[in-house]
Protein backbone atom coordinates (compact mmCIF):
# COMPACT_ATOMS: atom_id res chain seq x y z
CA MET A 1 0.39 7.00 12.96
CA ARG A 2 -1.19 5.66 9.80
CA ALA A 3 0.73 4.30 6.80
CA PHE A 4 -0.55 3.57 3.31
CA VAL A 5 1.35 0.58 1.92
CA THR A 6 1.15 -0.46 -1.72
CA GLY A 7 1.91 -4.09 -2.48
CA GLY A 8 0.96 -5.13 1.04
CA SER A 9 0.20 -8.69 0.00
CA GLY A 10 3.54 -9.22 -1.75
CA PHE A 11 6.78 -10.47 -0.23
CA VAL A 12 8.31 -7.10 0.66
CA GLY A 13 5.04 -5.31 1.37
CA SER A 14 3.68 -8.00 3.67
CA ASN A 15 6.85 -7.84 5.75
CA VAL A 16 6.63 -4.04 5.92
CA VAL A 17 3.01 -4.34 7.08
CA LYS A 18 3.99 -6.93 9.70
CA VAL A 19 6.83 -4.85 11.12
CA PHE A 20 4.76 -1.67 11.14
CA THR A 21 1.82 -3.26 12.92
CA GLU A 22 3.49 -5.75 15.26
CA ARG A 23 6.61 -3.85 16.29
CA HIS A 24 5.52 -0.24 16.00
CA GLY A 25 1.75 -0.25 16.43
CA VAL A 26 1.17 1.59 13.16
CA ASP A 27 -2.33 1.64 11.69
CA VAL A 28 -1.73 0.29 8.17
CA VAL A 29 -3.94 0.69 5.12
CA ALA A 30 -2.80 -1.77 2.45
CA PRO A 31 -5.41 -2.00 -0.31
CA SER A 32 -5.34 -4.98 -2.65
CA HIS A 33 -4.70 -4.58 -6.35
CA ALA A 34 -8.38 -5.32 -6.95
CA ALA A 35 -9.32 -2.42 -4.66
CA VAL A 36 -6.78 0.06 -6.04
CA ASP A 37 -5.13 -0.43 -9.41
CA LEU A 38 -1.96 1.68 -9.19
CA THR A 39 -2.10 2.44 -12.91
CA ASP A 40 -5.38 4.30 -12.27
CA ARG A 41 -4.14 7.69 -11.08
CA ALA A 42 -7.55 8.99 -10.05
CA ARG A 43 -8.32 5.88 -7.99
CA VAL A 44 -4.93 6.09 -6.25
CA HIS A 45 -5.54 9.74 -5.32
CA GLU A 46 -9.03 8.87 -4.08
CA SER A 47 -7.79 5.95 -1.99
CA VAL A 48 -4.98 7.97 -0.40
CA ALA A 49 -7.38 10.83 0.36
CA GLU A 50 -9.78 8.38 2.03
CA ALA A 51 -6.99 6.77 4.09
CA ARG A 52 -5.45 10.08 5.21
CA PRO A 53 -2.04 8.50 5.88
CA ASP A 54 0.92 10.12 7.60
CA ALA A 55 3.26 8.15 5.34
CA ILE A 56 3.10 6.26 2.05
CA VAL A 57 5.36 3.24 1.49
CA HIS A 58 5.45 1.98 -2.09
CA CYS A 59 6.26 -1.76 -2.23
CA ALA A 60 4.18 -2.78 -5.25
CA ILE A 61 5.71 -4.02 -8.48
CA LEU A 62 4.38 -4.26 -12.01
CA ASN A 63 4.86 -7.93 -12.73
CA ASP A 64 4.21 -7.70 -16.47
CA LEU A 65 7.44 -7.16 -18.36
CA GLY A 66 5.67 -6.79 -21.70
CA ARG A 67 3.66 -3.89 -20.41
């Protein structure tokens, strides 16, 4: 199984990645914000298409309250 995890370097996302990989043997794709800006719809679609995941887990946050 392959999972696409957004926010994989954050607190929640990094724990999701750890549990998926260490306990369940899941192949995880967790691109950094620099690699995939989630506000760029086309880039998100492209990245998901490249990863071909069985599941998507969204753990990212927008940490800019003024935005």
